[in-house]
């Protein structure tokens, strides 16, 4: 299934172009991002809803849109729309939001029957100072599913999916991280999980990598710390849900991480489209 580069580019361009930057201190900018996401969900034929909570006396929101909302079992597909500090955040994480939105479009356009419903969720407050706390938007959402006793088959996190390089030596592989046959050229994408959810991780990876036009690797870690827990998937694991992250290895490859140089011109939209197209098969195929 082919994702459309022009739609990915349009989403990243809008989000990374918001000023002031969409960090937690600029609620107006965060609302601009949330409104864009809601509009795109509506264009795809979905009905977005807001999930509100308060952190440091300010109100923040998740945007949620559900495909096959009447199906009892749910798969969560999410990405965060806030940035760390004063930087455009093209890869971190406009690319993830663009991937999530494009997956939602592809799902509604093709109308698959996976045997479960899919909840597409755009989170706020993934970045510091809220990362790892109960104020993360993903923690708020995961907690609401847990309290409602929703049967969640898993969660998929789009986190930094747009930075690639064909240069040898462009991929950093520190000792103990992503070991086991990983190339030193940053032209692959990784499905990241933890060992206790190995069957889910391997199933998702198998579906995503079959006939893929991009090299899809699998990294499974003993626990949810460090690289394995660096985004919203960690919130779902806290409630016992299976979760994976799709990632371009972040700071191990992209030296623009959390810097003002994280701009749209550094991203590879052809490869990003391959990532999203491959992820579509896994997102819609877990029940087969």
C-alpha atoms as a PDB file:
ATOM      1  CA  UNK A   1       0.000   0.000   0.000  1.00  0.00           C
ATOM      2  CA  UNK A   2       1.415   3.349  -1.024  1.00  0.00           C
ATOM      3  CA  UNK A   3       1.389   6.386   1.225  1.00  0.00           C
ATOM      4  CA  UNK A   4       1.268   9.777  -0.453  1.00  0.00           C
ATOM      5  CA  UNK A   5       4.392  11.883  -0.037  1.00  0.00           C
ATOM      6  CA  UNK A   6       2.610  15.156  -0.740  1.00  0.00           C
ATOM      7  CA  UNK A   7       0.223  14.645   2.169  1.00  0.00           C
ATOM      8  CA  UNK A   8       3.069  13.734   4.513  1.00  0.00           C
ATOM      9  CA  UNK A   9       4.962  16.838   3.406  1.00  0.00           C
ATOM     10  CA  UNK A  10       1.933  19.084   3.870  1.00  0.00           C
ATOM     11  CA  UNK A  11       1.396  17.921   7.462  1.00  0.00           C
ATOM     12  CA  UNK A  12       5.063  18.298   8.405  1.00  0.00           C
ATOM     13  CA  UNK A  13       5.246  21.716   6.748  1.00  0.00           C
ATOM     14  CA  UNK A  14       2.246  23.006   8.674  1.00  0.00           C
ATOM     15  CA  UNK A  15       3.295  21.660  12.071  1.00  0.00           C
ATOM     16  CA  UNK A  16       6.980  22.580  11.821  1.00  0.00           C
ATOM     17  CA  UNK A  17       6.014  26.053  10.596  1.00  0.00           C
ATOM     18  CA  UNK A  18       3.936  26.985  13.649  1.00  0.00           C
ATOM     19  CA  UNK A  19       5.311  29.951  15.622  1.00  0.00           C
ATOM     20  CA  UNK A  20       5.820  30.392  18.456  1.00  0.00           C
ATOM     21  CA  UNK A  21       7.060  26.830  18.714  1.00  0.00           C
ATOM     22  CA  UNK A  22       4.562  24.205  19.850  1.00  0.00           C
ATOM     23  CA  UNK A  23       6.004  23.517  23.289  1.00  0.00           C
ATOM     24  CA  UNK A  24       4.081  23.350  26.567  1.00  0.00           C
ATOM     25  CA  UNK A  25       4.606  27.059  27.244  1.00  0.00           C
ATOM     26  CA  UNK A  26       2.726  28.042  24.076  1.00  0.00           C
ATOM     27  CA  UNK A  27      -0.823  26.662  24.368  1.00  0.00           C
ATOM     28  CA  UNK A  28      -1.989  28.753  21.416  1.00  0.00           C
ATOM     29  CA  UNK A  29       0.515  27.020  19.158  1.00  0.00           C
ATOM     30  CA  UNK A  30      -0.431  23.622  20.544  1.00  0.00           C
ATOM     31  CA  UNK A  31      -4.071  24.409  19.810  1.00  0.00           C
ATOM     32  CA  UNK A  32      -3.127  25.308  16.219  1.00  0.00           C
ATOM     33  CA  UNK A  33      -1.510  21.894  15.868  1.00  0.00           C
ATOM     34  CA  UNK A  34      -4.490  20.157  17.471  1.00  0.00           C
ATOM     35  CA  UNK A  35      -6.930  21.983  15.189  1.00  0.00           C
ATOM     36  CA  UNK A  36      -4.947  20.920  12.116  1.00  0.00           C
ATOM     37  CA  UNK A  37      -5.034  17.307  13.255  1.00  0.00           C
ATOM     38  CA  UNK A  38      -8.794  17.483  13.899  1.00  0.00           C
ATOM     39  CA  UNK A  39      -9.399  18.956  10.452  1.00  0.00           C
ATOM     40  CA  UNK A  40      -7.370  16.220   8.782  1.00  0.00           C
ATOM     41  CA  UNK A  41      -9.246  13.518  10.697  1.00  0.00           C
ATOM     42  CA  UNK A  42     -12.535  15.037   9.530  1.00  0.00           C
ATOM     43  CA  UNK A  43     -11.313  15.154   5.931  1.00  0.00           C
ATOM     44  CA  UNK A  44     -10.582  11.433   6.240  1.00  0.00           C
ATOM     45  CA  UNK A  45     -14.186  10.799   7.309  1.00  0.00           C
ATOM     46  CA  UNK A  46     -13.483  10.301  11.011  1.00  0.00           C
ATOM     47  CA  UNK A  47     -15.093  12.097  13.951  1.00  0.00           C
ATOM     48  CA  UNK A  48     -12.383  13.530  16.234  1.00  0.00           C
ATOM     49  CA  UNK A  49     -12.899  14.068  19.935  1.00  0.00           C
ATOM     50  CA  UNK A  50     -10.884  16.004  22.503  1.00  0.00           C
ATOM     51  CA  UNK A  51      -9.553  14.508  25.731  1.00  0.00           C
ATOM     52  CA  UNK A  52      -8.730  17.318  28.167  1.00  0.00           C
ATOM     53  CA  UNK A  53      -6.605  17.470  31.309  1.00  0.00           C
ATOM     54  CA  UNK A  54      -4.754  20.082  33.339  1.00  0.00           C
ATOM     55  CA  UNK A  55      -1.004  20.299  33.962  1.00  0.00           C
ATOM     56  CA  UNK A  56       0.670  23.199  35.788  1.00  0.00           C
ATOM     57  CA  UNK A  57      -2.620  25.117  35.784  1.00  0.00           C
ATOM     58  CA  UNK A  58      -2.960  24.934  31.979  1.00  0.00           C
ATOM     59  CA  UNK A  59      -5.358  22.840  29.942  1.00  0.00           C
ATOM     60  CA  UNK A  60      -4.005  20.476  27.292  1.00  0.00           C
ATOM     61  CA  UNK A  61      -5.687  18.064  24.909  1.00  0.00           C
ATOM     62  CA  UNK A  62      -5.361  14.801  23.056  1.00  0.00           C
ATOM     63  CA  UNK A  63      -7.192  14.426  19.752  1.00  0.00           C
ATOM     64  CA  UNK A  64      -8.801  11.003  19.245  1.00  0.00           C
ATOM     65  CA  UNK A  65     -10.470   9.614  16.124  1.00  0.00           C
ATOM     66  CA  UNK A  66     -11.763   6.047  15.897  1.00  0.00           C
ATOM     67  CA  UNK A  67     -12.153   3.706  12.939  1.00  0.00           C
ATOM     68  CA  UNK A  68     -14.839   1.056  13.509  1.00  0.00           C
ATOM     69  CA  UNK A  69     -15.718   2.578  16.890  1.00  0.00           C
ATOM     70  CA  UNK A  70     -18.303  -0.119  17.658  1.00  0.00           C
ATOM     71  CA  UNK A  71     -15.738  -2.940  17.590  1.00  0.00           C
ATOM     72  CA  UNK A  72     -14.997  -4.059  21.138  1.00  0.00           C
ATOM     73  CA  UNK A  73     -11.265  -4.753  20.743  1.00  0.00           C
ATOM     74  CA  UNK A  74      -9.046  -1.745  20.018  1.00  0.00           C
ATOM     75  CA  UNK A  75      -5.617  -1.065  18.538  1.00  0.00           C
ATOM     76  CA  UNK A  76      -4.162   2.338  19.442  1.00  0.00           C
ATOM     77  CA  UNK A  77      -2.032   4.164  16.851  1.00  0.00           C
ATOM     78  CA  UNK A  78      -0.526   7.356  18.256  1.00  0.00           C
ATOM     79  CA  UNK A  79       2.036  10.131  17.965  1.00  0.00           C
ATOM     80  CA  UNK A  80       2.784  13.317  19.895  1.00  0.00           C
ATOM     81  CA  UNK A  81       2.414  16.822  18.479  1.00  0.00           C
ATOM     82  CA  UNK A  82       4.367  18.895  20.995  1.00  0.00           C
ATOM     83  CA  UNK A  83       8.073  19.759  20.715  1.00  0.00           C
ATOM     84  CA  UNK A  84      10.946  20.106  23.174  1.00  0.00           C
ATOM     85  CA  UNK A  85      11.836  23.771  23.680  1.00  0.00           C
ATOM     86  CA  UNK A  86      12.149  26.313  20.891  1.00  0.00           C
ATOM     87  CA  UNK A  87      12.659  24.319  17.706  1.00  0.00           C
ATOM     88  CA  UNK A  88      10.462  23.326  14.754  1.00  0.00           C
ATOM     89  CA  UNK A  89      10.469  19.584  15.436  1.00  0.00           C
ATOM     90  CA  UNK A  90      10.154  18.358  11.851  1.00  0.00           C
ATOM     91  CA  UNK A  91      11.360  14.846  12.673  1.00  0.00           C
ATOM     92  CA  UNK A  92      10.482  15.029  16.381  1.00  0.00           C
ATOM     93  CA  UNK A  93       7.642  14.701  15.967  1.00  0.00           C
ATOM     94  CA  UNK A  94       5.845  16.291  13.036  1.00  0.00           C
ATOM     95  CA  UNK A  95       6.973  13.251  11.051  1.00  0.00           C
ATOM     96  CA  UNK A  96       5.216  10.940  13.521  1.00  0.00           C
ATOM     97  CA  UNK A  97       1.982  12.923  13.409  1.00  0.00           C
ATOM     98  CA  UNK A  98       2.149  12.977   9.609  1.00  0.00           C
ATOM     99  CA  UNK A  99       2.627   9.205   9.584  1.00  0.00           C
ATOM    100  CA  UNK A 100      -0.279   8.658  11.953  1.00  0.00           C
ATOM    101  CA  UNK A 101      -2.577  10.942   9.930  1.00  0.00           C
ATOM    102  CA  UNK A 102      -1.612   9.299   6.643  1.00  0.00           C
ATOM    103  CA  UNK A 103      -2.254   5.855   8.140  1.00  0.00           C
ATOM    104  CA  UNK A 104      -5.710   7.052   9.190  1.00  0.00           C
ATOM    105  CA  UNK A 105      -6.377   8.302   5.644  1.00  0.00           C
ATOM    106  CA  UNK A 106      -5.241   5.011   4.138  1.00  0.00           C
ATOM    107  CA  UNK A 107      -7.445   3.067   6.548  1.00  0.00           C
ATOM    108  CA  UNK A 108     -10.566   5.065   5.750  1.00  0.00           C
ATOM    109  CA  UNK A 109      -9.859   5.009   2.013  1.00  0.00           C
ATOM    110  CA  UNK A 110      -9.437   1.234   1.943  1.00  0.00           C
ATOM    111  CA  UNK A 111     -11.960   0.378   4.669  1.00  0.00           C
ATOM    112  CA  UNK A 112     -10.368  -2.883   5.855  1.00  0.00           C
ATOM    113  CA  UNK A 113     -12.015  -5.258   8.321  1.00  0.00           C
ATOM    114  CA  UNK A 114      -9.136  -6.167  10.638  1.00  0.00           C
ATOM    115  CA  UNK A 115     -11.351  -7.701  13.328  1.00  0.00           C
ATOM    116  CA  UNK A 116     -10.774  -4.797  15.715  1.00  0.00           C
ATOM    117  CA  UNK A 117     -11.232  -1.053  15.805  1.00  0.00           C
ATOM    118  CA  UNK A 118      -8.364   1.419  15.504  1.00  0.00           C
ATOM    119  CA  UNK A 119      -8.076   4.498  17.710  1.00  0.00           C
ATOM    120  CA  UNK A 120      -5.843   7.174  16.188  1.00  0.00           C
ATOM    121  CA  UNK A 121      -4.548   9.463  18.934  1.00  0.00           C
ATOM    122  CA  UNK A 122      -2.494  12.666  18.791  1.00  0.00           C
ATOM    123  CA  UNK A 123      -0.897  13.364  22.168  1.00  0.00           C
ATOM    124  CA  UNK A 124       0.287  16.489  23.879  1.00  0.00           C
ATOM    125  CA  UNK A 125       2.992  16.740  26.580  1.00  0.00           C
ATOM    126  CA  UNK A 126       5.270  13.920  25.507  1.00  0.00           C
ATOM    127  CA  UNK A 127       8.321  16.135  25.827  1.00  0.00           C
ATOM    128  CA  UNK A 128      10.117  17.408  28.964  1.00  0.00           C
ATOM    129  CA  UNK A 129       9.288  18.497  31.600  1.00  0.00           C
ATOM    130  CA  UNK A 130       6.370  16.063  31.463  1.00  0.00           C
ATOM    131  CA  UNK A 131       8.075  13.051  29.901  1.00  0.00           C
ATOM    132  CA  UNK A 132       7.864  10.017  32.184  1.00  0.00           C
ATOM    133  CA  UNK A 133       5.081  11.518  34.314  1.00  0.00           C
ATOM    134  CA  UNK A 134       1.355  10.934  34.657  1.00  0.00           C
ATOM    135  CA  UNK A 135       0.783  14.272  32.889  1.00  0.00           C
ATOM    136  CA  UNK A 136       1.843  12.868  29.522  1.00  0.00           C
ATOM    137  CA  UNK A 137      -1.074  12.829  27.109  1.00  0.00           C
ATOM    138  CA  UNK A 138      -0.405   9.190  26.330  1.00  0.00           C
ATOM    139  CA  UNK A 139      -0.543   8.309  30.036  1.00  0.00           C
ATOM    140  CA  UNK A 140      -3.852  10.147  30.349  1.00  0.00           C
ATOM    141  CA  UNK A 141      -5.245   8.207  27.391  1.00  0.00           C
ATOM    142  CA  UNK A 142      -3.861   4.817  28.436  1.00  0.00           C
ATOM    143  CA  UNK A 143      -5.236   5.343  31.930  1.00  0.00           C
ATOM    144  CA  UNK A 144      -8.704   6.095  30.574  1.00  0.00           C
ATOM    145  CA  UNK A 145      -8.685   2.841  28.577  1.00  0.00           C
ATOM    146  CA  UNK A 146      -7.582   0.914  31.656  1.00  0.00           C
ATOM    147  CA  UNK A 147     -10.333   2.394  33.848  1.00  0.00           C
ATOM    148  CA  UNK A 148     -12.925   1.606  31.181  1.00  0.00           C
ATOM    149  CA  UNK A 149     -11.549  -1.957  30.950  1.00  0.00           C
ATOM    150  CA  UNK A 150     -11.201  -1.582  27.178  1.00  0.00           C
ATOM    151  CA  UNK A 151      -9.810  -4.705  25.471  1.00  0.00           C
ATOM    152  CA  UNK A 152      -6.642  -3.255  23.923  1.00  0.00           C
ATOM    153  CA  UNK A 153      -4.761  -5.620  21.618  1.00  0.00           C
ATOM    154  CA  UNK A 154      -1.765  -3.285  21.449  1.00  0.00           C
ATOM    155  CA  UNK A 155      -0.381   0.167  20.787  1.00  0.00           C
ATOM    156  CA  UNK A 156       1.753   1.465  17.911  1.00  0.00           C
ATOM    157  CA  UNK A 157       3.736   4.677  18.370  1.00  0.00           C
ATOM    158  CA  UNK A 158       4.998   6.727  15.411  1.00  0.00           C
ATOM    159  CA  UNK A 159       8.056   8.534  16.820  1.00  0.00           C
ATOM    160  CA  UNK A 160      10.541  10.186  14.438  1.00  0.00           C
ATOM    161  CA  UNK A 161      10.154   8.386  11.100  1.00  0.00           C
ATOM    162  CA  UNK A 162      11.596  10.879   8.610  1.00  0.00           C
ATOM    163  CA  UNK A 163      15.393  11.083   8.855  1.00  0.00           C
ATOM    164  CA  UNK A 164      17.534   8.778   6.705  1.00  0.00           C
ATOM    165  CA  UNK A 165      21.001   8.747   5.220  1.00  0.00           C
ATOM    166  CA  UNK A 166      22.735   6.672   2.574  1.00  0.00           C
ATOM    167  CA  UNK A 167      26.200   7.579   3.860  1.00  0.00           C
ATOM    168  CA  UNK A 168      28.315   4.831   5.476  1.00  0.00           C
ATOM    169  CA  UNK A 169      28.976   5.713   9.103  1.00  0.00           C
ATOM    170  CA  UNK A 170      25.786   7.790   9.411  1.00  0.00           C
ATOM    171  CA  UNK A 171      24.276   5.338  11.900  1.00  0.00           C
ATOM    172  CA  UNK A 172      25.609   5.410  15.453  1.00  0.00           C
ATOM    173  CA  UNK A 173      25.404   2.104  17.296  1.00  0.00           C
ATOM    174  CA  UNK A 174      26.707   2.493  20.862  1.00  0.00           C
ATOM    175  CA  UNK A 175      27.647  -0.661  22.798  1.00  0.00           C
ATOM    176  CA  UNK A 176      24.602  -2.424  24.192  1.00  0.00           C
ATOM    177  CA  UNK A 177      22.116  -0.570  21.970  1.00  0.00           C
ATOM    178  CA  UNK A 178      20.673  -1.955  18.742  1.00  0.00           C
ATOM    179  CA  UNK A 179      23.350  -4.600  18.532  1.00  0.00           C
ATOM    180  CA  UNK A 180      23.052  -7.647  16.320  1.00  0.00           C
ATOM    181  CA  UNK A 181      23.706  -7.028  12.683  1.00  0.00           C
ATOM    182  CA  UNK A 182      22.592  -3.420  12.351  1.00  0.00           C
ATOM    183  CA  UNK A 183      24.230  -1.525   9.485  1.00  0.00           C
ATOM    184  CA  UNK A 184      26.267   1.619  10.018  1.00  0.00           C
ATOM    185  CA  UNK A 185      24.282   3.350   7.271  1.00  0.00           C
ATOM    186  CA  UNK A 186      21.132   5.100   8.475  1.00  0.00           C
ATOM    187  CA  UNK A 187      18.734   3.945   5.790  1.00  0.00           C
ATOM    188  CA  UNK A 188      16.500   1.588   7.800  1.00  0.00           C
ATOM    189  CA  UNK A 189      13.547   1.901  10.218  1.00  0.00           C
ATOM    190  CA  UNK A 190      13.216   0.062  13.533  1.00  0.00           C
ATOM    191  CA  UNK A 191      10.290  -1.537  15.337  1.00  0.00           C
ATOM    192  CA  UNK A 192      11.211  -1.211  19.023  1.00  0.00           C
ATOM    193  CA  UNK A 193       9.688  -3.334  21.760  1.00  0.00           C
ATOM    194  CA  UNK A 194      10.391  -5.137  25.024  1.00  0.00           C
ATOM    195  CA  UNK A 195      11.049  -8.812  25.598  1.00  0.00           C
ATOM    196  CA  UNK A 196       7.884  -9.513  27.597  1.00  0.00           C
ATOM    197  CA  UNK A 197       5.848  -8.609  24.502  1.00  0.00           C
ATOM    198  CA  UNK A 198       8.101 -10.492  22.112  1.00  0.00           C
ATOM    199  CA  UNK A 199       5.304 -12.305  20.258  1.00  0.00           C
ATOM    200  CA  UNK A 200       3.490  -9.026  19.556  1.00  0.00           C
ATOM    201  CA  UNK A 201       6.718  -7.306  18.510  1.00  0.00           C
ATOM    202  CA  UNK A 202       7.665 -10.093  16.128  1.00  0.00           C
ATOM    203  CA  UNK A 203       4.177 -10.297  14.649  1.00  0.00           C
ATOM    204  CA  UNK A 204       4.096  -6.558  13.985  1.00  0.00           C
ATOM    205  CA  UNK A 205       7.605  -6.582  12.538  1.00  0.00           C
ATOM    206  CA  UNK A 206       6.804  -9.531  10.258  1.00  0.00           C
ATOM    207  CA  UNK A 207       3.716  -7.803   8.870  1.00  0.00           C
ATOM    208  CA  UNK A 208       5.490  -4.487   8.407  1.00  0.00           C
ATOM    209  CA  UNK A 209       8.574  -5.947   6.744  1.00  0.00           C
ATOM    210  CA  UNK A 210       6.833  -8.269   4.245  1.00  0.00           C
ATOM    211  CA  UNK A 211       7.356  -6.899   0.723  1.00  0.00           C
ATOM    212  CA  UNK A 212       8.436  -3.573   2.219  1.00  0.00           C
ATOM    213  CA  UNK A 213      10.355  -1.090   0.093  1.00  0.00           C
ATOM    214  CA  UNK A 214      12.386  -0.086   3.143  1.00  0.00           C
ATOM    215  CA  UNK A 215      14.577  -2.182   5.434  1.00  0.00           C
ATOM    216  CA  UNK A 216      12.555  -2.824   8.615  1.00  0.00           C
ATOM    217  CA  UNK A 217      14.554  -3.986  11.631  1.00  0.00           C
ATOM    218  CA  UNK A 218      13.387  -5.284  15.011  1.00  0.00           C
ATOM    219  CA  UNK A 219      14.913  -4.311  18.346  1.00  0.00           C
ATOM    220  CA  UNK A 220      13.671  -6.005  21.514  1.00  0.00           C
ATOM    221  CA  UNK A 221      14.991  -4.871  24.890  1.00  0.00           C
ATOM    222  CA  UNK A 222      14.953  -6.618  28.289  1.00  0.00           C
ATOM    223  CA  UNK A 223      12.867  -3.837  29.871  1.00  0.00           C
ATOM    224  CA  UNK A 224      11.177  -0.552  29.033  1.00  0.00           C
ATOM    225  CA  UNK A 225      14.024   1.753  30.032  1.00  0.00           C
ATOM    226  CA  UNK A 226      16.405   3.744  27.849  1.00  0.00           C
ATOM    227  CA  UNK A 227      15.813   3.640  24.115  1.00  0.00           C
ATOM    228  CA  UNK A 228      12.917   1.185  24.483  1.00  0.00           C
ATOM    229  CA  UNK A 229      10.921   3.661  26.548  1.00  0.00           C
ATOM    230  CA  UNK A 230      11.722   6.975  24.917  1.00  0.00           C
ATOM    231  CA  UNK A 231       8.205   7.840  23.758  1.00  0.00           C
ATOM    232  CA  UNK A 232       4.474   7.365  24.298  1.00  0.00           C
ATOM    233  CA  UNK A 233       4.482   3.576  24.066  1.00  0.00           C
ATOM    234  CA  UNK A 234       5.916   3.523  27.604  1.00  0.00           C
ATOM    235  CA  UNK A 235       2.641   4.921  28.960  1.00  0.00           C
ATOM    236  CA  UNK A 236       0.681   1.931  27.654  1.00  0.00           C
ATOM    237  CA  UNK A 237       3.165  -0.566  28.992  1.00  0.00           C
ATOM    238  CA  UNK A 238       2.640   1.030  32.416  1.00  0.00           C
ATOM    239  CA  UNK A 239      -0.921  -0.311  32.284  1.00  0.00           C
ATOM    240  CA  UNK A 240       0.087  -3.722  30.986  1.00  0.00           C
ATOM    241  CA  UNK A 241      -0.667  -3.127  27.307  1.00  0.00           C
ATOM    242  CA  UNK A 242       1.579  -4.424  24.526  1.00  0.00           C
ATOM    243  CA  UNK A 243       3.248  -1.598  22.633  1.00  0.00           C
ATOM    244  CA  UNK A 244       5.869  -0.932  19.957  1.00  0.00           C
ATOM    245  CA  UNK A 245       7.538   2.187  18.615  1.00  0.00           C
ATOM    246  CA  UNK A 246       8.376   2.802  14.945  1.00  0.00           C
ATOM    247  CA  UNK A 247      11.518   4.943  14.940  1.00  0.00           C
ATOM    248  CA  UNK A 248      14.396   6.105  12.742  1.00  0.00           C
ATOM    249  CA  UNK A 249      16.683   5.661  15.814  1.00  0.00           C
ATOM    250  CA  UNK A 250      16.377   9.308  16.797  1.00  0.00           C
ATOM    251  CA  UNK A 251      19.602  10.852  18.181  1.00  0.00           C
ATOM    252  CA  UNK A 252      21.568   7.757  17.158  1.00  0.00           C
ATOM    253  CA  UNK A 253      21.238   9.010  13.589  1.00  0.00           C
ATOM    254  CA  UNK A 254      19.633  12.438  13.497  1.00  0.00           C
ATOM    255  CA  UNK A 255      22.002  14.990  15.028  1.00  0.00           C
ATOM    256  CA  UNK A 256      19.282  17.642  14.675  1.00  0.00           C
ATOM    257  CA  UNK A 257      17.428  16.017  17.580  1.00  0.00           C
ATOM    258  CA  UNK A 258      15.934  18.709  19.867  1.00  0.00           C
ATOM    259  CA  UNK A 259      17.741  21.448  17.939  1.00  0.00           C
ATOM    260  CA  UNK A 260      16.573  24.309  15.757  1.00  0.00           C
ATOM    261  CA  UNK A 261      18.123  22.464  12.820  1.00  0.00           C
ATOM    262  CA  UNK A 262      15.341  19.827  12.979  1.00  0.00           C
ATOM    263  CA  UNK A 263      13.744  21.296   9.846  1.00  0.00           C
ATOM    264  CA  UNK A 264      11.626  19.905   7.039  1.00  0.00           C
ATOM    265  CA  UNK A 265      14.428  20.109   4.467  1.00  0.00           C
ATOM    266  CA  UNK A 266      16.392  17.455   6.393  1.00  0.00           C
ATOM    267  CA  UNK A 267      13.712  14.786   5.936  1.00  0.00           C
ATOM    268  CA  UNK A 268      13.387  12.082   3.272  1.00  0.00           C
ATOM    269  CA  UNK A 269       9.718  11.919   2.294  1.00  0.00           C
ATOM    270  CA  UNK A 270      10.158   9.078  -0.173  1.00  0.00           C
ATOM    271  CA  UNK A 271      11.500   6.782   2.532  1.00  0.00           C
ATOM    272  CA  UNK A 272       8.957   8.127   5.021  1.00  0.00           C
ATOM    273  CA  UNK A 273       6.179   7.151   2.627  1.00  0.00           C
ATOM    274  CA  UNK A 274       7.627   3.626   2.439  1.00  0.00           C
ATOM    275  CA  UNK A 275       7.617   3.450   6.244  1.00  0.00           C
ATOM    276  CA  UNK A 276       3.966   4.485   6.466  1.00  0.00           C
ATOM    277  CA  UNK A 277       2.882   2.219   3.627  1.00  0.00           C
ATOM    278  CA  UNK A 278       4.560  -0.740   5.297  1.00  0.00           C
ATOM    279  CA  UNK A 279       3.133   0.159   8.710  1.00  0.00           C
ATOM    280  CA  UNK A 280      -0.379   0.181   7.225  1.00  0.00           C
ATOM    281  CA  UNK A 281      -0.176  -3.564   6.584  1.00  0.00           C
ATOM    282  CA  UNK A 282       0.852  -4.243  10.177  1.00  0.00           C
ATOM    283  CA  UNK A 283      -1.723  -1.863  11.692  1.00  0.00           C
ATOM    284  CA  UNK A 284      -4.547  -3.543   9.750  1.00  0.00           C
ATOM    285  CA  UNK A 285      -3.238  -7.110   9.758  1.00  0.00           C
ATOM    286  CA  UNK A 286      -2.736  -8.082  13.394  1.00  0.00           C
ATOM    287  CA  UNK A 287      -6.063  -9.919  13.554  1.00  0.00           C
ATOM    288  CA  UNK A 288      -5.384 -12.172  10.576  1.00  0.00           C
END
